[in-house]
C-alpha atoms as a PDB file:
ATOM      1  CA  MET A   1      97.930 142.939 107.485  1.00  0.00           C
ATOM      2  CA  ILE A   2      99.042 142.971 111.060  1.00  0.00           C
ATOM      3  CA  TRP A   3     100.179 139.420 110.872  1.00  0.00           C
ATOM      4  CA  VAL A   4     102.184 139.955 107.610  1.00  0.00           C
ATOM      5  CA  ASN A   5     104.081 143.223 109.362  1.00  0.00           C
ATOM      6  CA  LEU A   6     104.636 140.849 112.425  1.00  0.00           C
ATOM      7  CA  LYS A   7     106.337 138.317 110.459  1.00  0.00           C
ATOM      8  CA  ARG A   8     108.229 140.754 108.335  1.00  0.00           C
ATOM      9  CA  ILE A   9     109.564 142.300 111.680  1.00  0.00           C
ATOM     10  CA  LEU A  10     110.464 138.853 113.364  1.00  0.00           C
ATOM     11  CA  LYS A  11     112.124 137.954 110.089  1.00  0.00           C
ATOM     12  CA  ASN A  12     114.069 141.117 109.928  1.00  0.00           C
ATOM     13  CA  GLY A  13     114.909 140.691 113.533  1.00  0.00           C
ATOM     14  CA  PHE A  14     116.490 137.318 113.096  1.00  0.00           C
ATOM     15  CA  VAL A  15     118.299 138.559 109.884  1.00  0.00           C
ATOM     16  CA  HIS A  16     119.887 141.379 111.917  1.00  0.00           C
ATOM     17  CA  PHE A  17     120.882 138.967 114.644  1.00  0.00           C
ATOM     18  CA  TRP A  18     122.531 136.424 112.453  1.00  0.00           C
ATOM     19  CA  ARG A  19     123.972 138.865 110.059  1.00  0.00           C
ATOM     20  CA  ASN A  20     125.951 140.380 112.918  1.00  0.00           C
ATOM     21  CA  GLY A  21     127.063 137.203 114.124  1.00  0.00           C
ATOM     22  CA  TRP A  22     130.233 138.181 116.100  1.00  0.00           C
ATOM     23  CA  VAL A  23     128.697 141.292 117.507  1.00  0.00           C
ATOM     24  CA  SER A  24     125.627 139.318 118.488  1.00  0.00           C
ATOM     25  CA  VAL A  25     127.899 136.697 120.259  1.00  0.00           C
ATOM     26  CA  ALA A  26     129.758 139.417 121.953  1.00  0.00           C
ATOM     27  CA  THR A  27     126.773 141.051 123.159  1.00  0.00           C
ATOM     28  CA  ILE A  28     125.330 137.532 124.310  1.00  0.00           C
ATOM     29  CA  LEU A  29     128.516 136.989 126.357  1.00  0.00           C
ATOM     30  CA  ILE A  30     128.303 140.350 127.974  1.00  0.00           C
ATOM     31  CA  MET A  31     124.533 139.626 129.016  1.00  0.00           C
ATOM     32  CA  VAL A  32     125.709 136.217 130.311  1.00  0.00           C
ATOM     33  CA  ILE A  33     128.342 137.766 132.635  1.00  0.00           C
ATOM     34  CA  THR A  34     125.652 140.114 133.807  1.00  0.00           C
ATOM     35  CA  LEU A  35     123.188 137.728 134.397  1.00  0.00           C
ATOM     36  CA  PHE A  36     125.431 135.381 135.884  1.00  0.00           C
ATOM     37  CA  SER A  37     126.448 138.222 138.424  1.00  0.00           C
ATOM     38  CA  ILE A  38     122.748 138.613 139.195  1.00  0.00           C
ATOM     39  CA  GLY A  39     122.229 134.836 139.695  1.00  0.00           C
ATOM     40  CA  SER A  40     125.522 134.939 142.025  1.00  0.00           C
ATOM     41  CA  LEU A  41     124.055 137.578 144.043  1.00  0.00           C
ATOM     42  CA  VAL A  42     120.839 135.423 144.638  1.00  0.00           C
ATOM     43  CA  PHE A  43     122.931 132.500 145.741  1.00  0.00           C
ATOM     44  CA  GLY A  44     125.134 134.807 147.960  1.00  0.00           C
ATOM     45  CA  LYS A  45     122.104 136.112 149.642  1.00  0.00           C
ATOM     46  CA  ALA A  46     120.799 132.694 150.205  1.00  0.00           C
ATOM     47  CA  ILE A  47     124.227 131.788 152.078  1.00  0.00           C
ATOM     48  CA  LEU A  48     124.121 135.043 154.126  1.00  0.00           C
ATOM     49  CA  LEU A  49     120.636 134.283 155.064  1.00  0.00           C
ATOM     50  CA  THR A  50     121.414 130.930 156.130  1.00  0.00           C
ATOM     51  CA  VAL A  51     124.586 131.894 158.178  1.00  0.00           C
ATOM     52  CA  LEU A  52     122.708 134.863 159.905  1.00  0.00           C
ATOM     53  CA  ASP A  53     119.930 132.492 160.876  1.00  0.00           C
ATOM     54  CA  GLN A  54     122.517 129.847 162.343  1.00  0.00           C
ATOM     55  CA  LEU A  55     123.802 132.836 164.483  1.00  0.00           C
ATOM     56  CA  GLN A  56     120.449 134.004 165.541  1.00  0.00           C
ATOM     57  CA  ASP A  57     119.431 130.458 166.555  1.00  0.00           C
ATOM     58  CA  LYS A  58     122.294 130.200 168.848  1.00  0.00           C
ATOM     59  CA  VAL A  59     120.958 133.009 171.016  1.00  0.00           C
ATOM     60  CA  ASP A  60     118.119 132.966 173.406  1.00  0.00           C
ATOM     61  CA  ILE A  61     116.487 133.753 176.728  1.00  0.00           C
ATOM     62  CA  THR A  62     116.553 131.245 179.456  1.00  0.00           C
ATOM     63  CA  VAL A  63     114.153 131.344 182.504  1.00  0.00           C
ATOM     64  CA  TYR A  64     115.363 129.303 185.398  1.00  0.00           C
ATOM     65  CA  PHE A  65     112.619 128.013 188.040  1.00  0.00           C
ATOM     66  CA  LYS A  66     113.202 127.119 191.675  1.00  0.00           C
ATOM     67  CA  ILE A  67     113.631 123.700 192.620  1.00  0.00           C
ATOM     68  CA  ASP A  68     109.986 123.273 194.204  1.00  0.00           C
ATOM     69  CA  ALA A  69     108.357 125.148 191.225  1.00  0.00           C
ATOM     70  CA  GLU A  70     104.960 123.663 190.641  1.00  0.00           C
ATOM     71  CA  GLU A  71     104.413 122.456 186.970  1.00  0.00           C
ATOM     72  CA  SER A  72     101.075 124.175 186.568  1.00  0.00           C
ATOM     73  CA  ASP A  73     102.897 127.653 186.943  1.00  0.00           C
ATOM     74  CA  ILE A  74     105.712 126.644 184.547  1.00  0.00           C
ATOM     75  CA  THR A  75     102.853 125.679 181.995  1.00  0.00           C
ATOM     76  CA  PHE A  76     101.180 128.758 182.595  1.00  0.00           C
ATOM     77  CA  LEU A  77     104.308 130.863 181.917  1.00  0.00           C
ATOM     78  CA  GLN A  78     105.222 128.955 178.794  1.00  0.00           C
ATOM     79  CA  GLU A  79     101.565 129.372 177.287  1.00  0.00           C
ATOM     80  CA  SER A  80     101.547 133.029 178.278  1.00  0.00           C
ATOM     81  CA  LEU A  81     105.232 133.528 176.442  1.00  0.00           C
ATOM     82  CA  SER A  82     103.884 131.465 173.436  1.00  0.00           C
ATOM     83  CA  ASP A  83     101.081 133.890 172.959  1.00  0.00           C
ATOM     84  CA  LEU A  84     103.578 136.698 172.568  1.00  0.00           C
ATOM     85  CA  SER A  85     103.829 137.955 168.757  1.00  0.00           C
ATOM     86  CA  GLU A  86     107.607 138.287 169.435  1.00  0.00           C
ATOM     87  CA  VAL A  87     108.105 134.819 170.556  1.00  0.00           C
ATOM     88  CA  LYS A  88     109.268 132.032 167.898  1.00  0.00           C
ATOM     89  CA  ASN A  89     109.100 129.091 170.183  1.00  0.00           C
ATOM     90  CA  VAL A  90     109.402 128.180 174.032  1.00  0.00           C
ATOM     91  CA  MET A  91     111.135 125.042 174.853  1.00  0.00           C
ATOM     92  CA  TYR A  92     110.530 123.387 178.309  1.00  0.00           C
ATOM     93  CA  VAL A  93     113.487 121.631 179.814  1.00  0.00           C
ATOM     94  CA  SER A  94     112.648 119.360 182.840  1.00  0.00           C
ATOM     95  CA  LYS A  95     114.550 118.930 186.101  1.00  0.00           C
ATOM     96  CA  GLU A  96     115.514 115.400 184.742  1.00  0.00           C
ATOM     97  CA  ASP A  97     116.622 116.592 181.351  1.00  0.00           C
ATOM     98  CA  ALA A  98     118.513 119.561 183.015  1.00  0.00           C
ATOM     99  CA  LEU A  99     120.633 117.146 185.003  1.00  0.00           C
ATOM    100  CA  LYS A 100     121.176 114.640 182.207  1.00  0.00           C
ATOM    101  CA  SER A 101     122.466 117.488 180.220  1.00  0.00           C
ATOM    102  CA  PHE A 102     124.669 118.642 182.917  1.00  0.00           C
ATOM    103  CA  GLN A 103     126.155 115.416 183.521  1.00  0.00           C
ATOM    104  CA  GLU A 104     127.004 114.728 179.902  1.00  0.00           C
ATOM    105  CA  ARG A 105     128.776 118.394 179.824  1.00  0.00           C
ATOM    106  CA  HIS A 106     130.978 117.283 182.741  1.00  0.00           C
ATOM    107  CA  ALA A 107     131.324 113.746 182.223  1.00  0.00           C
ATOM    108  CA  GLU A 108     134.908 113.921 182.303  1.00  0.00           C
ATOM    109  CA  ASN A 109     135.151 115.820 185.605  1.00  0.00           C
ATOM    110  CA  THR A 110     135.128 113.277 188.130  1.00  0.00           C
ATOM    111  CA  LEU A 111     134.951 115.897 190.983  1.00  0.00           C
ATOM    112  CA  ILE A 112     131.618 117.024 189.829  1.00  0.00           C
ATOM    113  CA  ILE A 113     130.310 113.840 189.189  1.00  0.00           C
ATOM    114  CA  GLN A 114     131.166 112.445 192.554  1.00  0.00           C
ATOM    115  CA  SER A 115     129.611 115.824 194.286  1.00  0.00           C
ATOM    116  CA  LEU A 116     126.332 114.949 192.356  1.00  0.00           C
ATOM    117  CA  GLU A 117     126.243 111.321 193.658  1.00  0.00           C
ATOM    118  CA  GLU A 118     127.066 112.313 197.452  1.00  0.00           C
ATOM    119  CA  LEU A 119     124.430 114.996 197.062  1.00  0.00           C
ATOM    120  CA  GLY A 120     121.795 112.360 196.357  1.00  0.00           C
ATOM    121  CA  ALA A 121     119.101 114.744 195.050  1.00  0.00           C
ATOM    122  CA  ASN A 122     118.843 116.643 191.868  1.00  0.00           C
ATOM    123  CA  PRO A 123     119.945 120.311 192.757  1.00  0.00           C
ATOM    124  CA  LEU A 124     118.703 121.801 189.322  1.00  0.00           C
ATOM    125  CA  GLY A 125     115.318 123.198 188.624  1.00  0.00           C
ATOM    126  CA  SER A 126     113.404 123.171 185.279  1.00  0.00           C
ATOM    127  CA  SER A 127     113.920 125.880 182.792  1.00  0.00           C
ATOM    128  CA  LEU A 128     112.232 127.473 179.438  1.00  0.00           C
ATOM    129  CA  ASN A 129     114.310 128.461 176.565  1.00  0.00           C
ATOM    130  CA  ILE A 130     112.710 131.250 174.625  1.00  0.00           C
ATOM    131  CA  LYS A 131     113.686 132.172 171.055  1.00  0.00           C
ATOM    132  CA  ALA A 132     112.577 135.494 169.482  1.00  0.00           C
ATOM    133  CA  LYS A 133     111.667 136.009 165.926  1.00  0.00           C
ATOM    134  CA  ASP A 134     114.225 138.783 165.578  1.00  0.00           C
ATOM    135  CA  PRO A 135     117.151 139.434 168.065  1.00  0.00           C
ATOM    136  CA  SER A 136     115.948 143.065 168.547  1.00  0.00           C
ATOM    137  CA  GLN A 137     112.651 141.703 170.152  1.00  0.00           C
ATOM    138  CA  TYR A 138     114.402 140.096 173.154  1.00  0.00           C
ATOM    139  CA  GLU A 139     114.305 143.412 175.136  1.00  0.00           C
ATOM    140  CA  SER A 140     110.515 143.206 175.122  1.00  0.00           C
ATOM    141  CA  ILE A 141     110.300 139.760 175.914  1.00  0.00           C
ATOM    142  CA  ALA A 142     112.613 140.354 178.810  1.00  0.00           C
ATOM    143  CA  ARG A 143     110.577 143.290 180.159  1.00  0.00           C
ATOM    144  CA  PHE A 144     107.293 141.008 179.831  1.00  0.00           C
ATOM    145  CA  LEU A 145     109.069 138.398 182.127  1.00  0.00           C
ATOM    146  CA  GLU A 146     110.439 140.994 184.562  1.00  0.00           C
ATOM    147  CA  ALA A 147     107.047 142.603 184.790  1.00  0.00           C
ATOM    148  CA  SER A 148     105.336 139.432 185.512  1.00  0.00           C
ATOM    149  CA  VAL A 149     104.833 138.363 188.981  1.00  0.00           C
ATOM    150  CA  PHE A 150     105.913 134.637 189.208  1.00  0.00           C
ATOM    151  CA  SER A 151     107.357 133.645 192.552  1.00  0.00           C
ATOM    152  CA  ALA A 152     108.595 130.284 190.827  1.00  0.00           C
ATOM    153  CA  VAL A 153     110.982 132.063 189.024  1.00  0.00           C
ATOM    154  CA  ASP A 154     114.653 131.938 190.140  1.00  0.00           C
ATOM    155  CA  LYS A 155     116.601 133.744 187.354  1.00  0.00           C
ATOM    156  CA  ILE A 156     116.442 135.169 183.867  1.00  0.00           C
ATOM    157  CA  ASN A 157     119.569 135.238 182.001  1.00  0.00           C
ATOM    158  CA  TYR A 158     118.623 137.999 179.570  1.00  0.00           C
ATOM    159  CA  ARG A 159     120.911 140.858 181.250  1.00  0.00           C
ATOM    160  CA  GLN A 160     124.078 138.542 180.958  1.00  0.00           C
ATOM    161  CA  ASN A 161     123.198 137.644 177.345  1.00  0.00           C
ATOM    162  CA  LYS A 162     122.218 141.349 176.354  1.00  0.00           C
ATOM    163  CA  THR A 163     125.682 142.302 175.109  1.00  0.00           C
ATOM    164  CA  ILE A 164     125.888 139.217 172.825  1.00  0.00           C
ATOM    165  CA  ILE A 165     122.352 139.860 171.695  1.00  0.00           C
ATOM    166  CA  ASP A 166     122.826 143.529 170.924  1.00  0.00           C
ATOM    167  CA  ARG A 167     126.044 142.794 168.867  1.00  0.00           C
ATOM    168  CA  LEU A 168     124.317 140.112 166.933  1.00  0.00           C
ATOM    169  CA  SER A 169     121.322 142.436 166.219  1.00  0.00           C
ATOM    170  CA  ALA A 170     123.856 145.036 164.948  1.00  0.00           C
ATOM    171  CA  ILE A 171     125.682 142.417 162.899  1.00  0.00           C
ATOM    172  CA  LEU A 172     122.431 141.077 161.346  1.00  0.00           C
ATOM    173  CA  GLN A 173     121.266 144.687 160.315  1.00  0.00           C
ATOM    174  CA  THR A 174     124.634 145.696 158.819  1.00  0.00           C
ATOM    175  CA  SER A 175     125.112 142.373 156.944  1.00  0.00           C
ATOM    176  CA  LYS A 176     121.592 142.759 155.399  1.00  0.00           C
ATOM    177  CA  ASN A 177     122.145 146.507 154.682  1.00  0.00           C
ATOM    178  CA  LEU A 178     125.640 145.689 153.088  1.00  0.00           C
ATOM    179  CA  GLY A 179     124.409 142.759 151.079  1.00  0.00           C
ATOM    180  CA  THR A 180     121.757 144.847 149.409  1.00  0.00           C
ATOM    181  CA  GLY A 181     123.885 147.735 148.844  1.00  0.00           C
ATOM    182  CA  ILE A 182     126.594 145.455 147.052  1.00  0.00           C
ATOM    183  CA  SER A 183     123.761 143.757 145.151  1.00  0.00           C
ATOM    184  CA  ILE A 184     122.460 147.133 143.911  1.00  0.00           C
ATOM    185  CA  LEU A 185     125.713 148.366 143.005  1.00  0.00           C
ATOM    186  CA  LEU A 186     126.763 145.321 141.143  1.00  0.00           C
ATOM    187  CA  ALA A 187     123.683 145.050 139.272  1.00  0.00           C
ATOM    188  CA  LEU A 188     123.781 148.698 138.089  1.00  0.00           C
ATOM    189  CA  ILE A 189     127.234 148.081 136.871  1.00  0.00           C
ATOM    190  CA  ALA A 190     126.164 144.986 135.047  1.00  0.00           C
ATOM    191  CA  VAL A 191     123.226 146.820 133.454  1.00  0.00           C
ATOM    192  CA  LEU A 192     125.441 149.835 132.373  1.00  0.00           C
ATOM    193  CA  VAL A 193     127.998 147.353 130.664  1.00  0.00           C
ATOM    194  CA  THR A 194     125.212 145.287 128.851  1.00  0.00           C
ATOM    195  CA  PHE A 195     123.435 148.570 127.850  1.00  0.00           C
ATOM    196  CA  ASN A 196     126.741 149.938 126.227  1.00  0.00           C
ATOM    197  CA  THR A 197     127.431 146.622 124.524  1.00  0.00           C
ATOM    198  CA  ILE A 198     124.070 146.596 122.994  1.00  0.00           C
ATOM    199  CA  ARG A 199     124.415 150.246 121.857  1.00  0.00           C
ATOM    200  CA  LEU A 200     127.644 149.334 120.149  1.00  0.00           C
ATOM    201  CA  ALA A 201     126.077 146.381 118.244  1.00  0.00           C
ATOM    202  CA  ILE A 202     123.301 148.927 116.868  1.00  0.00           C
ATOM    203  CA  TYR A 203     126.092 151.433 116.198  1.00  0.00           C
ATOM    204  CA  THR A 204     127.362 149.043 113.639  1.00  0.00           C
ATOM    205  CA  ASN A 205     123.987 149.259 111.691  1.00  0.00           C
ATOM    206  CA  ARG A 206     123.665 152.853 111.926  1.00  0.00           C
ATOM    207  CA  GLU A 207     124.108 153.499 108.189  1.00  0.00           C
ATOM    208  CA  GLU A 208     121.458 151.036 107.520  1.00  0.00           C
ATOM    209  CA  ILE A 209     118.993 152.691 109.900  1.00  0.00           C
ATOM    210  CA  LYS A 210     119.933 156.080 107.924  1.00  0.00           C
ATOM    211  CA  ILE A 211     119.060 154.535 104.624  1.00  0.00           C
ATOM    212  CA  MET A 212     115.802 153.140 105.810  1.00  0.00           C
ATOM    213  CA  ARG A 213     114.866 156.524 107.028  1.00  0.00           C
ATOM    214  CA  LEU A 214     115.677 158.043 103.713  1.00  0.00           C
ATOM    215  CA  VAL A 215     113.189 155.565 101.881  1.00  0.00           C
ATOM    216  CA  GLY A 216     110.521 156.658 104.318  1.00  0.00           C
ATOM    217  CA  ALA A 217     110.403 153.549 106.786  1.00  0.00           C
ATOM    218  CA  SER A 218     108.526 154.508 109.965  1.00  0.00           C
ATOM    219  CA  ASP A 219     110.201 154.850 113.339  1.00  0.00           C
ATOM    220  CA  ARG A 220     108.542 151.675 114.532  1.00  0.00           C
ATOM    221  CA  TYR A 221     109.624 149.579 111.438  1.00  0.00           C
ATOM    222  CA  VAL A 222     113.138 150.789 111.772  1.00  0.00           C
ATOM    223  CA  ARG A 223     113.305 150.185 115.301  1.00  0.00           C
ATOM    224  CA  SER A 224     111.341 146.624 115.411  1.00  0.00           C
ATOM    225  CA  PRO A 225     114.062 144.349 114.131  1.00  0.00           C
ATOM    226  CA  PHE A 226     116.702 145.588 116.828  1.00  0.00           C
ATOM    227  CA  VAL A 227     114.138 145.228 119.360  1.00  0.00           C
ATOM    228  CA  VAL A 228     113.688 141.582 118.345  1.00  0.00           C
ATOM    229  CA  GLY A 229     117.328 141.008 118.461  1.00  0.00           C
ATOM    230  CA  GLY A 230     117.297 142.528 121.961  1.00  0.00           C
ATOM    231  CA  ILE A 231     114.570 139.814 123.072  1.00  0.00           C
ATOM    232  CA  LEU A 232     116.770 137.216 121.329  1.00  0.00           C
ATOM    233  CA  TYR A 233     119.749 138.448 123.308  1.00  0.00           C
ATOM    234  CA  GLY A 234     117.882 138.096 126.643  1.00  0.00           C
ATOM    235  CA  LEU A 235     116.293 134.720 125.686  1.00  0.00           C
ATOM    236  CA  ILE A 236     119.553 132.954 124.821  1.00  0.00           C
ATOM    237  CA  SER A 237     121.654 134.668 127.377  1.00  0.00           C
ATOM    238  CA  SER A 238     119.341 133.716 130.259  1.00  0.00           C
ATOM    239  CA  THR A 239     119.153 130.239 128.905  1.00  0.00           C
ATOM    240  CA  VAL A 240     122.874 129.819 128.698  1.00  0.00           C
ATOM    241  CA  THR A 241     123.313 131.382 132.449  1.00  0.00           C
ATOM    242  CA  VAL A 242     120.832 128.863 133.890  1.00  0.00           C
ATOM    243  CA  ILE A 243     122.556 126.021 132.224  1.00  0.00           C
ATOM    244  CA  LEU A 244     125.900 127.133 133.530  1.00  0.00           C
ATOM    245  CA  PHE A 245     124.650 127.388 137.095  1.00  0.00           C
ATOM    246  CA  TYR A 246     123.850 123.528 137.010  1.00  0.00           C
ATOM    247  CA  PRO A 247     127.309 122.203 136.944  1.00  0.00           C
ATOM    248  CA  LEU A 248     128.930 125.039 139.026  1.00  0.00           C
ATOM    249  CA  THR A 249     126.165 124.568 141.768  1.00  0.00           C
ATOM    250  CA  PHE A 250     126.674 120.716 141.576  1.00  0.00           C
ATOM    251  CA  TRP A 251     130.464 121.239 142.264  1.00  0.00           C
ATOM    252  CA  LEU A 252     129.722 123.991 144.996  1.00  0.00           C
ATOM    253  CA  GLY A 253     126.807 122.319 146.619  1.00  0.00           C
ATOM    254  CA  PRO A 254     128.686 119.919 149.096  1.00  0.00           C
ATOM    255  CA  LEU A 255     131.213 122.733 149.886  1.00  0.00           C
ATOM    256  CA  SER A 256     128.691 125.213 150.729  1.00  0.00           C
ATOM    257  CA  GLU A 257     126.982 122.526 153.040  1.00  0.00           C
ATOM    258  CA  ARG A 258     130.316 121.751 154.591  1.00  0.00           C
ATOM    259  CA  PHE A 259     131.392 125.364 155.252  1.00  0.00           C
ATOM    260  CA  PHE A 260     128.066 127.099 155.807  1.00  0.00           C
ATOM    261  CA  GLY A 261     125.849 124.226 157.006  1.00  0.00           C
ATOM    262  CA  GLY A 262     122.247 123.959 156.274  1.00  0.00           C
ATOM    263  CA  ILE A 263     122.384 125.094 152.680  1.00  0.00           C
ATOM    264  CA  ASN A 264     123.390 123.083 149.595  1.00  0.00           C
ATOM    265  CA  LEU A 265     123.643 125.213 146.956  1.00  0.00           C
ATOM    266  CA  PHE A 266     122.667 122.523 144.185  1.00  0.00           C
ATOM    267  CA  TYR A 267     119.615 121.753 146.076  1.00  0.00           C
ATOM    268  CA  TYR A 268     118.824 125.375 146.370  1.00  0.00           C
ATOM    269  CA  TYR A 269     119.267 125.789 142.419  1.00  0.00           C
ATOM    270  CA  LEU A 270     116.888 122.833 141.757  1.00  0.00           C
ATOM    271  CA  SER A 271     114.336 123.797 144.201  1.00  0.00           C
ATOM    272  CA  ASN A 272     114.135 127.493 142.672  1.00  0.00           C
ATOM    273  CA  PHE A 273     115.096 126.628 139.201  1.00  0.00           C
ATOM    274  CA  PHE A 274     111.971 127.905 137.555  1.00  0.00           C
ATOM    275  CA  GLN A 275     111.812 131.109 139.794  1.00  0.00           C
ATOM    276  CA  MET A 276     115.484 131.884 138.958  1.00  0.00           C
ATOM    277  CA  PHE A 277     115.023 130.974 135.216  1.00  0.00           C
ATOM    278  CA  PHE A 278     112.166 133.523 134.902  1.00  0.00           C
ATOM    279  CA  ILE A 279     113.834 136.118 136.873  1.00  0.00           C
ATOM    280  CA  LEU A 280     116.985 136.084 134.666  1.00  0.00           C
ATOM    281  CA  LEU A 281     114.706 135.564 131.669  1.00  0.00           C
ATOM    282  CA  ALA A 282     112.754 138.654 132.394  1.00  0.00           C
ATOM    283  CA  VAL A 283     115.919 140.707 133.492  1.00  0.00           C
ATOM    284  CA  GLY A 284     117.513 139.625 130.099  1.00  0.00           C
ATOM    285  CA  VAL A 285     114.569 140.313 127.848  1.00  0.00           C
ATOM    286  CA  LEU A 286     113.952 143.763 129.580  1.00  0.00           C
ATOM    287  CA  LEU A 287     117.497 144.685 129.440  1.00  0.00           C
ATOM    288  CA  GLY A 288     117.787 143.740 125.752  1.00  0.00           C
ATOM    289  CA  VAL A 289     114.632 145.358 124.728  1.00  0.00           C
ATOM    290  CA  PHE A 290     115.268 148.794 126.620  1.00  0.00           C
ATOM    291  CA  SER A 291     118.677 148.917 125.565  1.00  0.00           C
ATOM    292  CA  SER A 292     117.676 148.334 121.945  1.00  0.00           C
ATOM    293  CA  TRP A 293     114.907 150.959 122.009  1.00  0.00           C
ATOM    294  CA  VAL A 294     116.914 153.659 123.602  1.00  0.00           C
ATOM    295  CA  ALA A 295     120.228 153.160 121.382  1.00  0.00           C
ATOM    296  CA  THR A 296     117.935 153.298 118.120  1.00  0.00           C
ATOM    297  CA  ARG A 297     116.262 156.343 119.337  1.00  0.00           C
ATOM    298  CA  ARG A 298     119.479 158.281 119.124  1.00  0.00           C
ATOM    299  CA  TYR A 299     119.713 157.316 115.215  1.00  0.00           C
ATOM    300  CA  LEU A 300     116.083 157.967 114.487  1.00  0.00           C
ATOM    301  CA  LYS A 301     116.585 161.467 115.884  1.00  0.00           C
ATOM    302  CA  ALA A 302     119.757 162.208 114.029  1.00  0.00           C
END
């Protein structure tokens, strides 16, 4: 008996869906736009995080050591820093690497190169470049360095970079908050538009709902075909949306990699295909079912 009722409900749902062809097409189109907006927000967030990560990677703290600093002292400090939970990584730069880098940066300045040659010895000391997991953590790392007693340390450049680090921290936090706020706002607008579109689709069948009520059909039986229709709206619109993203990201992929660096939207789409599909599918089906359920409730109460 349950199987017979289920078959009847599914059949009625498909009949309603196909019989209201143009209304169904319009509803699916609106839902595709809604899901496309949500998917675009996912891609936009990926680009934003990539850009912010690139900015974050440009900032660090550098500890400069005296020329006569012992390697054992430098290694000890490097290991101590690596043990801190705030530290992402610590890179050691030897005297030789520092000199080579300095010469490459000033290769066209003959005066500086000649001065180095006349000096004979390497005037630069070793250094440690420290990157924090979050820009806001540089302050605590700097306090650790300043509180540590290492006679081999010549200079710590945190105070010179503090303004840049504080500004970057503010930009990161503001960007994340703004991105989240815009995402929620657009998602709510899209959901409301879709909800009203499905309500309009069910409005065209209001007389049929009244007739079914008059002949004694239960609320569940009356509502079920429209809920099945809502599921179909979600299935079709999510599938269409994911397919549309393929050529779009294929075209935008090289452009995003060129302008933002580090992220190719097409590769991101492929690597997150199933995750994105199931998210859009879940949103589409839930939106369709919820909208259909609430919209029919109005006429069942009438």
